[in-house]
C-alpha atoms as a PDB file:
ATOM      1  CA  MET A   1       0.000   0.000   0.000  1.00  0.00           C
ATOM      2  CA  LYS A   2       2.945   2.296   0.633  1.00  0.00           C
ATOM      3  CA  ASN A   3       4.124   1.861  -2.973  1.00  0.00           C
ATOM      4  CA  LEU A   4       0.625   2.623  -4.203  1.00  0.00           C
ATOM      5  CA  ASN A   5       0.651   5.816  -2.161  1.00  0.00           C
ATOM      6  CA  TYR A   6       3.964   6.902  -3.722  1.00  0.00           C
ATOM      7  CA  LEU A   7       2.716   6.021  -7.200  1.00  0.00           C
ATOM      8  CA  ASN A   8      -0.400   8.077  -6.557  1.00  0.00           C
ATOM      9  CA  TYR A   9       1.780  11.024  -5.474  1.00  0.00           C
ATOM     10  CA  PHE A  10       3.649  10.728  -8.761  1.00  0.00           C
ATOM     11  CA  PHE A  11       0.509  10.581 -10.897  1.00  0.00           C
ATOM     12  CA  VAL A  12      -0.999  13.577  -9.104  1.00  0.00           C
ATOM     13  CA  GLY A  13       2.205  15.600  -8.861  1.00  0.00           C
ATOM     14  CA  PHE A  14       3.517  15.085 -12.389  1.00  0.00           C
ATOM     15  CA  PRO A  15       0.753  17.075 -14.161  1.00  0.00           C
ATOM     16  CA  ILE A  16       1.060  19.826 -11.550  1.00  0.00           C
ATOM     17  CA  ALA A  17       4.822  20.031 -12.122  1.00  0.00           C
ATOM     18  CA  LEU A  18       4.364  20.139 -15.899  1.00  0.00           C
ATOM     19  CA  CYS A  19       1.762  22.884 -15.622  1.00  0.00           C
ATOM     20  CA  LEU A  20       4.056  24.914 -13.368  1.00  0.00           C
ATOM     21  CA  ILE A  21       6.875  24.535 -15.887  1.00  0.00           C
ATOM     22  CA  GLY A  22       4.290  25.573 -18.487  1.00  0.00           C
ATOM     23  CA  PHE A  23       4.430  29.128 -17.165  1.00  0.00           C
ATOM     24  CA  VAL A  24       7.942  29.296 -18.613  1.00  0.00           C
ATOM     25  CA  ASP A  25       7.335  27.241 -21.781  1.00  0.00           C
ATOM     26  CA  ASN A  26       3.790  26.888 -23.118  1.00  0.00           C
ATOM     27  CA  ASP A  27       4.432  23.413 -24.550  1.00  0.00           C
ATOM     28  CA  PHE A  28       4.729  21.964 -21.046  1.00  0.00           C
ATOM     29  CA  LEU A  29       1.341  23.388 -20.123  1.00  0.00           C
ATOM     30  CA  CYS A  30      -0.258  21.348 -22.913  1.00  0.00           C
ATOM     31  CA  PHE A  31       1.564  18.198 -21.774  1.00  0.00           C
ATOM     32  CA  GLY A  32       0.516  18.840 -18.182  1.00  0.00           C
ATOM     33  CA  LEU A  33      -3.131  19.158 -19.117  1.00  0.00           C
ATOM     34  CA  LEU A  34      -2.979  16.015 -21.249  1.00  0.00           C
ATOM     35  CA  SER A  35      -1.279  14.020 -18.497  1.00  0.00           C
ATOM     36  CA  THR A  36      -4.226  14.640 -16.182  1.00  0.00           C
ATOM     37  CA  THR A  37      -6.059  12.083 -18.321  1.00  0.00           C
ATOM     38  CA  LEU A  38      -3.527   9.448 -17.269  1.00  0.00           C
ATOM     39  CA  THR A  39      -3.937  10.511 -13.656  1.00  0.00           C
ATOM     40  CA  GLY A  40      -7.687  10.034 -13.876  1.00  0.00           C
ATOM     41  CA  LEU A  41      -7.349   6.670 -15.592  1.00  0.00           C
ATOM     42  CA  PHE A  42      -4.848   5.494 -12.961  1.00  0.00           C
ATOM     43  CA  GLN A  43      -7.065   6.608 -10.101  1.00  0.00           C
ATOM     44  CA  VAL A  44     -10.228   5.030 -11.492  1.00  0.00           C
ATOM     45  CA  ILE A  45      -8.425   1.708 -12.021  1.00  0.00           C
ATOM     46  CA  VAL A  46      -6.926   1.848  -8.514  1.00  0.00           C
ATOM     47  CA  GLY A  47     -10.317   2.746  -7.023  1.00  0.00           C
ATOM     48  CA  ILE A  48     -12.022  -0.170  -8.751  1.00  0.00           C
ATOM     49  CA  LYS A  49      -9.255  -2.570  -7.717  1.00  0.00           C
ATOM     50  CA  MET A  50      -9.376  -1.392  -4.108  1.00  0.00           C
ATOM     51  CA  LEU A  51     -13.168  -1.781  -4.080  1.00  0.00           C
ATOM     52  CA  GLN A  52     -12.793  -5.349  -5.358  1.00  0.00           C
ATOM     53  CA  ASP A  53     -10.371  -6.102  -2.527  1.00  0.00           C
ATOM     54  CA  GLU A  54     -12.552  -4.404   0.117  1.00  0.00           C
ATOM     55  CA  PRO A  55     -16.167  -4.398  -1.119  1.00  0.00           C
ATOM     56  CA  ASN A  56     -17.604  -3.188   2.204  1.00  0.00           C
ATOM     57  CA  ASP A  57     -15.517  -0.010   2.420  1.00  0.00           C
ATOM     58  CA  LYS A  58     -17.914   2.937   2.549  1.00  0.00           C
ATOM     59  CA  ASN A  59     -15.404   5.521   1.295  1.00  0.00           C
ATOM     60  CA  LEU A  60     -14.491   3.480  -1.771  1.00  0.00           C
ATOM     61  CA  ARG A  61     -18.158   2.993  -2.590  1.00  0.00           C
ATOM     62  CA  ILE A  62     -18.722   6.745  -2.362  1.00  0.00           C
ATOM     63  CA  TYR A  63     -15.740   7.321  -4.664  1.00  0.00           C
ATOM     64  CA  ILE A  64     -16.938   4.873  -7.334  1.00  0.00           C
ATOM     65  CA  ILE A  65     -20.503   6.218  -7.193  1.00  0.00           C
ATOM     66  CA  ALA A  66     -19.173   9.771  -7.560  1.00  0.00           C
ATOM     67  CA  VAL A  67     -17.058   8.766 -10.575  1.00  0.00           C
ATOM     68  CA  ILE A  68     -20.034   7.058 -12.230  1.00  0.00           C
ATOM     69  CA  ALA A  69     -22.252  10.057 -11.474  1.00  0.00           C
ATOM     70  CA  PHE A  70     -19.656  12.433 -12.955  1.00  0.00           C
ATOM     71  CA  PHE A  71     -19.388  10.516 -16.220  1.00  0.00           C
ATOM     72  CA  ALA A  72     -23.155  10.004 -16.435  1.00  0.00           C
ATOM     73  CA  THR A  73     -23.730  13.735 -15.912  1.00  0.00           C
ATOM     74  CA  LEU A  74     -21.079  14.552 -18.502  1.00  0.00           C
ATOM     75  CA  PHE A  75     -22.722  12.171 -20.998  1.00  0.00           C
ATOM     76  CA  ILE A  76     -26.211  13.564 -20.389  1.00  0.00           C
ATOM     77  CA  ILE A  77     -25.045  17.155 -20.709  1.00  0.00           C
ATOM     78  CA  SER A  78     -23.310  16.411 -23.996  1.00  0.00           C
ATOM     79  CA  LYS A  79     -26.438  14.721 -25.404  1.00  0.00           C
ATOM     80  CA  VAL A  80     -28.883  17.394 -24.219  1.00  0.00           C
ATOM     81  CA  GLY A  81     -26.618  20.297 -25.097  1.00  0.00           C
ATOM     82  CA  LEU A  82     -26.478  22.097 -21.748  1.00  0.00           C
ATOM     83  CA  TYR A  83     -23.123  23.797 -22.000  1.00  0.00           C
ATOM     84  CA  ASP A  84     -23.780  26.829 -19.830  1.00  0.00           C
ATOM     85  CA  TRP A  85     -22.950  27.081 -16.146  1.00  0.00           C
ATOM     86  CA  ILE A  86     -23.022  23.320 -15.523  1.00  0.00           C
ATOM     87  CA  ASN A  87     -19.648  22.898 -17.242  1.00  0.00           C
ATOM     88  CA  TYR A  88     -18.008  25.205 -14.729  1.00  0.00           C
ATOM     89  CA  ILE A  89     -19.339  23.093 -11.894  1.00  0.00           C
ATOM     90  CA  LEU A  90     -18.162  19.877 -13.557  1.00  0.00           C
ATOM     91  CA  LEU A  91     -14.622  21.245 -13.962  1.00  0.00           C
ATOM     92  CA  SER A  92     -14.169  21.142 -10.205  1.00  0.00           C
ATOM     93  CA  VAL A  93     -15.273  17.516  -9.789  1.00  0.00           C
ATOM     94  CA  PRO A  94     -12.157  15.631 -11.090  1.00  0.00           C
ATOM     95  CA  PRO A  95      -9.702  17.414  -8.774  1.00  0.00           C
ATOM     96  CA  ILE A  96     -12.064  16.795  -5.846  1.00  0.00           C
ATOM     97  CA  LEU A  97     -12.260  13.097  -6.749  1.00  0.00           C
ATOM     98  CA  ALA A  98      -8.460  12.915  -7.076  1.00  0.00           C
ATOM     99  CA  ILE A  99      -8.003  14.466  -3.639  1.00  0.00           C
ATOM    100  CA  TYR A 100     -10.651  12.173  -2.137  1.00  0.00           C
ATOM    101  CA  LEU A 101      -9.011   9.007  -3.470  1.00  0.00           C
ATOM    102  CA  SER A 102      -5.592  10.277  -2.398  1.00  0.00           C
ATOM    103  CA  ILE A 103      -6.914  10.686   1.145  1.00  0.00           C
ATOM    104  CA  ILE A 104      -8.401   7.175   1.070  1.00  0.00           C
ATOM    105  CA  ILE A 105      -5.089   5.694  -0.103  1.00  0.00           C
ATOM    106  CA  TYR A 106      -3.152   7.668   2.500  1.00  0.00           C
ATOM    107  CA  LYS A 107      -5.435   6.488   5.322  1.00  0.00           C
ATOM    108  CA  LYS A 108      -5.123   2.858   4.238  1.00  0.00           C
ATOM    109  CA  GLN A 109      -1.331   3.074   4.199  1.00  0.00           C
END
């Protein structure tokens, strides 16, 4: 679990570092924003795997339900065409989910 915690730190910190370097060179900003996709993919896979190992964990269930709700809301909004203020709210959800899973991993360490 300790290695998973360090790997999570890397996947969360790497895009932040690239975006900070992006203030000097704009190319790094693009790479930083694209690498957040890998962070999200890593965290969803880790969350699902942890839920399989501990199916009764309340925090992991909340995380998976929140991820499913986020993607369902994103899908519905894209089909209906509501691109107004809801998009600004949805932009804050992935960082909140990343922080939440990071806290879960840290507590289980």
